[in-house]
Amino acid sequence: MQKNIWAILLSIIPRNRFGDCVAGLIHFVLRHKHIPNLRNPKLYNDFLIRIKVGGTLHLPLRGTISDKHDVKAFLEAKVGRCFPRTIALLDSAEAIRSYDFPAGCIVKPAHSSGSVIRVEADNQDIPRDEIAAWLHDDLYARTREANYQHLKKRVMVEELIDFGEGALIDYKVHCFSGKPQLIEVMRGRFTGLTENYYSTSWNQLPITFLKEGREYGSHAADPRPENLEDMLQLCERLAEDFPFIRVDCYTDGKTVYVGELTNLPQNGAERLARPELEYQLGRLFLGDDADDVFRERFVEPYQAMETARA
């Protein structure tokens, strides 16, 4: 029902800066069941929606780093070559249907998010019609994330990063005010997604989000990457221009590869499993350290704030 309401509203709200702001606020209220405090936010998702509706995502740099190919020029200028090589860019259905996809590549839309096909063998069946359909995907129209509005619609073929130890582990480093604070470790992207969260000192944190009303699963504690400090230093250099950015990495303990930069995880609509986490994570936007935040109790302040708001 909620998805239907959202789709109808998107079809009638103007596609401009004002309309994007209205759509973002409506979507937020539908998802989080409260009106965000934009002037003096305290909660994690209130900070994120302020980024979305406050004009930040309309900045040209935010669009550049949202394109999965164009971001590579930004990465190289900031930290050097730290990304998989682009093999081809395909911008038409004809090019996709005639292209000889090599073994050892990843195929994904450069202008969108969430779709990826892994090509491992020369004789692998390639779903070319599905890939061609990506050229019609308009993520901006679906989410009103303005950073996607003007991106060229094209499919990127990229070299496959393979450390020879099975499926890659995703390290998603959440940076607040230019500082890495949280490390999300994601496993089982193609089999069964689980995730753990750590501070930058590799203390596991009790953070869980909801997906379709259920908590994400967790997995056994992850070993600390041997080159964690190198990863964090790289992420800090990339994050210095942003109030919030997530740097999505892979590593074998020696080399760090950056897959992409994420402006607004889950369109700012991902709900936390426990409400007090909203307040705790919100402290990270104010400069507090994750280890300090999770050593203290913020449940009572959160409850007091909710009582005052009611």
Protein backbone atom coordinates (compact mmCIF):
# COMPACT_ATOMS: atom_id res chain seq x y z
CA MET A 1 0.00 0.00 0.00
CA GLN A 2 2.75 2.42 0.99
CA LYS A 3 4.68 1.66 -2.21
CA ASN A 4 1.57 2.41 -4.28
CA ILE A 5 1.02 5.73 -2.51
CA TRP A 6 4.66 6.66 -3.05
CA ALA A 7 4.51 5.78 -6.77
CA ILE A 8 1.40 7.92 -7.28
CA LEU A 9 2.92 10.87 -5.45
CA LEU A 10 6.12 10.66 -7.48
CA SER A 11 4.15 10.80 -10.70
CA ILE A 12 2.55 14.13 -9.79
CA ILE A 13 5.27 15.94 -7.79
CA PRO A 14 7.31 18.25 -10.08
CA ARG A 15 10.79 17.11 -11.02
CA ASN A 16 12.67 20.14 -9.80
CA ARG A 17 14.50 21.20 -6.66
CA PHE A 18 11.33 22.15 -4.79
CA GLY A 19 9.58 18.95 -5.87
CA ASP A 20 12.57 16.87 -4.83
CA CYS A 21 12.43 18.46 -1.38
CA VAL A 22 8.69 17.77 -1.04
CA ALA A 23 9.07 14.19 -2.27
CA GLY A 24 11.98 13.57 0.08
CA LEU A 25 10.06 14.79 3.11
CA ILE A 26 6.95 12.77 2.24
CA HIS A 27 9.01 9.64 1.72
CA PHE A 28 10.76 10.21 5.03
CA VAL A 29 7.48 10.54 6.93
CA LEU A 30 6.07 7.42 5.27
CA ARG A 31 9.15 5.43 6.25
CA HIS A 32 10.03 6.82 9.66
CA LYS A 33 6.62 7.92 10.97
CA HIS A 34 7.76 11.32 12.23
CA ILE A 35 8.51 14.77 10.86
CA PRO A 36 12.28 15.32 10.75
CA ASN A 37 13.94 18.09 12.70
CA LEU A 38 15.87 19.82 9.91
CA ARG A 39 16.94 22.90 11.86
CA ASN A 40 18.50 21.13 14.83
CA PRO A 41 18.67 17.40 14.07
CA LYS A 42 19.59 14.89 16.74
CA LEU A 43 18.65 11.61 15.06
CA TYR A 44 20.72 9.77 12.46
CA ASN A 45 18.06 9.71 9.75
CA ASP A 46 17.16 13.36 10.43
CA PHE A 47 20.74 14.26 9.53
CA LEU A 48 20.54 12.17 6.35
CA ILE A 49 17.27 13.71 5.17
CA ARG A 50 18.73 17.17 5.75
CA ILE A 51 21.49 16.25 3.29
CA LYS A 52 18.89 15.05 0.80
CA VAL A 53 16.51 18.01 0.90
CA GLY A 54 18.96 20.78 1.78
CA GLY A 55 20.48 21.13 -1.69
CA THR A 56 23.69 19.18 -1.08
CA LEU A 57 22.85 16.48 -3.61
CA HIS A 58 22.37 19.08 -6.37
CA LEU A 59 26.06 20.00 -6.23
CA PRO A 60 27.93 18.92 -9.41
CA LEU A 61 30.52 16.96 -7.42
CA ARG A 62 27.80 14.80 -5.91
CA GLY A 63 26.64 13.86 -9.40
CA THR A 64 30.18 13.13 -10.59
CA ILE A 65 30.91 10.72 -7.75
CA SER A 66 27.53 9.00 -8.22
CA ASP A 67 28.51 7.85 -11.71
CA LYS A 68 30.33 4.56 -11.23
CA HIS A 69 32.75 5.35 -14.04
CA ASP A 70 33.21 9.11 -13.67
CA VAL A 71 33.98 8.72 -9.96
CA LYS A 72 37.26 7.07 -10.93
CA ALA A 73 38.74 10.38 -12.07
CA PHE A 74 37.88 11.88 -8.67
CA LEU A 75 39.42 8.89 -6.87
CA GLU A 76 42.63 9.02 -8.89
CA ALA A 77 43.03 12.76 -8.35
CA LYS A 78 42.57 12.36 -4.59
CA VAL A 79 44.44 9.15 -3.76
CA GLY A 80 45.81 7.63 -6.96
CA ARG A 81 44.66 4.53 -8.79
CA CYS A 82 42.65 2.49 -6.27
CA PHE A 83 39.82 1.09 -8.38
CA PRO A 84 39.05 -1.70 -10.87
CA ARG A 85 39.76 -0.88 -14.52
CA THR A 86 36.83 0.01 -16.77
CA ILE A 87 36.87 -2.35 -19.77
CA ALA A 88 33.95 -0.90 -21.73
CA LEU A 89 31.06 1.57 -21.55
CA LEU A 90 27.94 0.53 -23.47
CA ASP A 91 25.22 3.10 -24.11
CA SER A 92 22.76 1.30 -26.39
CA ALA A 93 20.86 -1.97 -26.54
CA GLU A 94 22.61 -2.76 -29.83
CA ALA A 95 26.04 -2.33 -28.26
CA ILE A 96 25.05 -4.58 -25.34
CA ARG A 97 23.68 -7.35 -27.57
CA SER A 98 26.77 -7.39 -29.78
CA TYR A 99 29.42 -6.98 -27.10
CA ASP A 100 31.64 -9.96 -26.28
CA PHE A 101 31.68 -9.92 -22.48
CA PRO A 102 35.05 -11.26 -21.30
CA ALA A 103 35.51 -13.78 -18.53
CA GLY A 104 36.50 -12.09 -15.29
CA CYS A 105 34.35 -8.97 -15.40
CA ILE A 106 31.57 -7.24 -13.53
CA VAL A 107 28.66 -5.65 -15.40
CA LYS A 108 26.60 -2.88 -13.81
CA PRO A 109 24.79 0.33 -14.73
CA ALA A 110 27.06 3.33 -14.27
CA HIS A 111 24.07 5.61 -13.64
CA SER A 112 22.10 3.58 -11.12
CA SER A 113 22.52 1.35 -8.09
CA GLY A 114 21.82 -2.17 -6.90
CA SER A 115 22.16 -4.15 -10.16
CA VAL A 116 25.27 -6.20 -10.90
CA ILE A 117 26.14 -9.30 -12.92
CA ARG A 118 29.34 -11.25 -12.37
CA VAL A 119 30.86 -12.90 -15.46
CA GLU A 120 33.36 -15.60 -14.56
CA ALA A 121 33.53 -17.90 -17.62
CA ASP A 122 33.78 -17.47 -21.40
CA ASN A 123 30.75 -19.67 -22.01
CA GLN A 124 28.57 -18.04 -19.35
CA ASP A 125 25.05 -17.17 -20.42
CA ILE A 126 24.72 -13.37 -20.42
CA PRO A 127 21.22 -11.92 -19.76
CA ARG A 128 21.59 -9.25 -22.44
CA ASP A 129 17.94 -8.19 -22.42
CA GLU A 130 18.11 -7.61 -18.66
CA ILE A 131 21.29 -5.58 -19.06
CA ALA A 132 19.78 -3.55 -21.91
CA ALA A 133 16.78 -2.77 -19.70
CA TRP A 134 19.12 -1.00 -17.29
CA LEU A 135 19.45 1.80 -19.84
CA HIS A 136 15.82 2.72 -19.11
CA ASP A 137 16.25 2.78 -15.35
CA ASP A 138 15.88 6.29 -13.92
CA LEU A 139 16.96 6.14 -10.30
CA TYR A 140 16.32 9.84 -9.84
CA ALA A 141 12.69 9.39 -10.88
CA ARG A 142 12.27 6.53 -8.39
CA THR A 143 14.01 8.10 -5.41
CA ARG A 144 14.36 11.84 -6.10
CA GLU A 145 18.05 11.64 -5.22
CA ALA A 146 19.14 14.68 -7.19
CA ASN A 147 22.72 13.46 -7.61
CA TYR A 148 21.42 10.89 -10.13
CA GLN A 149 19.31 13.31 -12.18
CA HIS A 150 21.73 14.18 -14.97
CA LEU A 151 23.83 11.04 -15.25
CA LYS A 152 24.37 9.44 -18.66
CA LYS A 153 22.58 6.11 -18.96
CA ARG A 154 25.22 3.52 -19.78
CA VAL A 155 26.41 0.10 -18.75
CA MET A 156 29.92 -0.32 -17.38
CA VAL A 157 31.99 -3.46 -17.89
CA GLU A 158 34.68 -3.55 -15.24
CA GLU A 159 37.49 -5.93 -14.38
CA LEU A 160 36.61 -8.46 -11.70
CA ILE A 161 38.60 -8.09 -8.51
CA ASP A 162 39.38 -11.60 -7.29
CA PHE A 163 41.59 -12.24 -4.30
CA GLY A 164 41.30 -16.00 -4.81
CA GLU A 165 39.48 -16.63 -1.55
CA GLY A 166 35.87 -16.94 -2.65
CA ALA A 167 33.34 -14.12 -2.66
CA LEU A 168 34.67 -10.66 -1.89
CA ILE A 169 33.93 -9.09 1.47
CA ASP A 170 32.50 -5.58 1.32
CA TYR A 171 33.96 -3.00 3.70
CA LYS A 172 31.73 0.06 3.73
CA VAL A 173 33.37 2.89 5.65
CA HIS A 174 30.89 5.52 6.89
CA CYS A 175 32.58 8.91 7.19
CA PHE A 176 31.09 11.80 9.19
CA SER A 177 32.47 15.34 8.78
CA GLY A 178 35.45 13.94 6.91
CA LYS A 179 36.30 11.27 9.52
CA PRO A 180 35.80 7.50 9.23
CA GLN A 181 33.63 6.35 12.13
CA LEU A 182 31.84 3.11 11.23
CA ILE A 183 32.96 0.11 9.22
CA GLU A 184 30.17 -2.04 7.86
CA VAL A 185 31.37 -5.52 6.88
CA MET A 186 29.01 -7.19 4.43
CA ARG A 187 29.18 -10.84 3.42
CA GLY A 188 27.08 -13.04 1.16
CA ARG A 189 26.03 -10.39 -1.36
CA PHE A 190 25.04 -13.07 -3.90
CA THR A 191 23.99 -15.83 -1.48
CA GLY A 192 22.53 -14.47 1.74
CA LEU A 193 23.38 -11.00 2.95
CA THR A 194 24.72 -10.51 6.47
CA GLU A 195 26.51 -7.54 8.01
CA ASN A 196 28.45 -6.53 11.09
CA TYR A 197 29.47 -3.05 12.24
CA TYR A 198 32.75 -2.01 13.84
CA SER A 199 34.34 1.14 15.16
CA THR A 200 37.62 2.26 13.62
CA SER A 201 39.43 0.51 16.49
CA TRP A 202 37.65 -2.67 15.40
CA ASN A 203 35.29 -2.98 18.34
CA GLN A 204 32.07 -4.64 17.16
CA LEU A 205 29.05 -2.38 17.62
CA PRO A 206 25.42 -3.38 18.26
CA ILE A 207 24.06 -1.73 15.11
CA THR A 208 21.39 -3.46 13.04
CA PHE A 209 19.06 -2.16 10.34
CA LEU A 210 15.71 -3.44 9.13
CA LYS A 211 15.10 -4.86 5.68
CA GLU A 212 11.46 -5.43 4.75
CA GLY A 213 10.55 -5.29 8.42
CA ARG A 214 13.20 -7.78 9.55
CA GLU A 215 16.64 -7.26 10.98
CA TYR A 216 19.62 -7.89 8.75
CA GLY A 217 21.38 -11.06 9.82
CA SER A 218 24.85 -10.92 11.33
CA HIS A 219 27.77 -13.31 11.02
CA ALA A 220 30.70 -14.44 13.14
CA ALA A 221 33.13 -11.74 14.19
CA ASP A 222 35.35 -10.59 11.34
CA PRO A 223 39.13 -10.55 11.63
CA ARG A 224 40.62 -7.09 11.63
CA PRO A 225 42.08 -6.36 8.16
CA GLU A 226 45.87 -6.25 8.25
CA ASN A 227 45.85 -2.94 6.40
CA LEU A 228 42.98 -1.34 8.30
CA GLU A 229 44.95 1.84 9.01
CA ASP A 230 45.79 2.23 5.32
CA MET A 231 42.12 1.77 4.44
CA LEU A 232 41.03 4.38 6.97
CA GLN A 233 43.64 6.90 5.83
CA LEU A 234 42.53 6.47 2.22
CA CYS A 235 38.87 6.90 3.20
CA GLU A 236 39.66 10.01 5.23
CA ARG A 237 41.33 11.65 2.23
CA LEU A 238 38.31 10.85 0.07
CA ALA A 239 35.84 12.07 2.69
CA GLU A 240 37.40 15.44 3.45
CA ASP A 241 35.00 17.34 1.15
CA PHE A 242 31.79 15.84 2.51
CA PRO A 243 29.64 16.16 5.67
CA PHE A 244 28.79 12.50 5.09
CA ILE A 245 29.99 9.93 2.58
CA ARG A 246 30.30 6.14 2.54
CA VAL A 247 33.39 4.67 0.90
CA ASP A 248 32.79 1.13 -0.37
CA CYS A 249 36.02 -0.88 -0.36
CA TYR A 250 37.52 -4.32 -0.90
CA THR A 251 40.84 -5.54 0.44
CA ASP A 252 42.99 -8.65 0.66
CA GLY A 253 44.85 -7.21 3.63
CA LYS A 254 47.45 -5.60 1.38
CA THR A 255 45.71 -3.65 -1.39
CA VAL A 256 42.61 -1.49 -0.98
CA TYR A 257 40.22 -1.11 -3.92
CA VAL A 258 37.39 1.44 -3.88
CA GLY A 259 34.25 0.20 -5.62
CA GLU A 260 32.16 3.36 -5.32
CA LEU A 261 31.18 6.29 -3.14
CA THR A 262 27.68 6.36 -1.68
CA ASN A 263 26.08 9.72 -0.92
CA LEU A 264 22.92 8.55 0.81
CA PRO A 265 22.66 4.90 1.92
CA GLN A 266 19.28 3.42 1.02
CA ASN A 267 17.99 6.86 0.04
CA GLY A 268 18.00 7.87 3.69
CA ALA A 269 15.10 5.49 4.29
CA GLU A 270 16.78 2.59 6.06
CA ARG A 271 15.27 2.09 9.49
CA LEU A 272 17.29 1.07 12.50
CA ALA A 273 16.23 -2.01 14.43
CA ARG A 274 16.22 -0.20 17.78
CA PRO A 275 15.07 3.41 18.12
CA GLU A 276 17.82 4.44 20.56
CA LEU A 277 20.35 3.76 17.80
CA GLU A 278 18.97 6.79 15.97
CA TYR A 279 20.21 9.03 18.76
CA GLN A 280 23.52 7.24 19.17
CA LEU A 281 24.40 7.35 15.48
CA GLY A 282 23.22 10.94 15.29
CA ARG A 283 26.03 11.81 17.71
CA LEU A 284 28.54 10.86 15.01
CA PHE A 285 27.34 13.80 12.89
CA LEU A 286 28.20 16.05 15.84
CA GLY A 287 31.81 14.86 16.01
CA ASP A 288 31.59 12.21 18.72
CA ASP A 289 33.65 9.03 18.40
CA ALA A 290 31.79 5.75 17.82
CA ASP A 291 33.58 3.94 20.66
CA ASP A 292 32.67 6.72 23.09
CA VAL A 293 29.07 6.85 21.89
CA PHE A 294 28.49 3.16 22.35
CA ARG A 295 30.16 3.06 25.75
CA GLU A 296 27.54 5.47 27.05
CA ARG A 297 23.83 5.02 27.46
CA PHE A 298 21.72 7.18 25.15
CA VAL A 299 18.46 5.27 25.61
CA GLU A 300 17.14 7.60 28.31
CA PRO A 301 17.92 10.85 26.44
CA TYR A 302 16.26 9.42 23.36
CA GLN A 303 13.15 8.45 25.32
CA ALA A 304 13.03 11.90 26.95
CA MET A 305 13.24 13.51 23.52
CA GLU A 306 10.43 11.31 22.21
CA THR A 307 8.26 12.23 25.22
CA ALA A 308 8.87 15.94 24.66
CA ARG A 309 8.04 15.61 20.97
CA ALA A 310 4.78 13.79 21.76
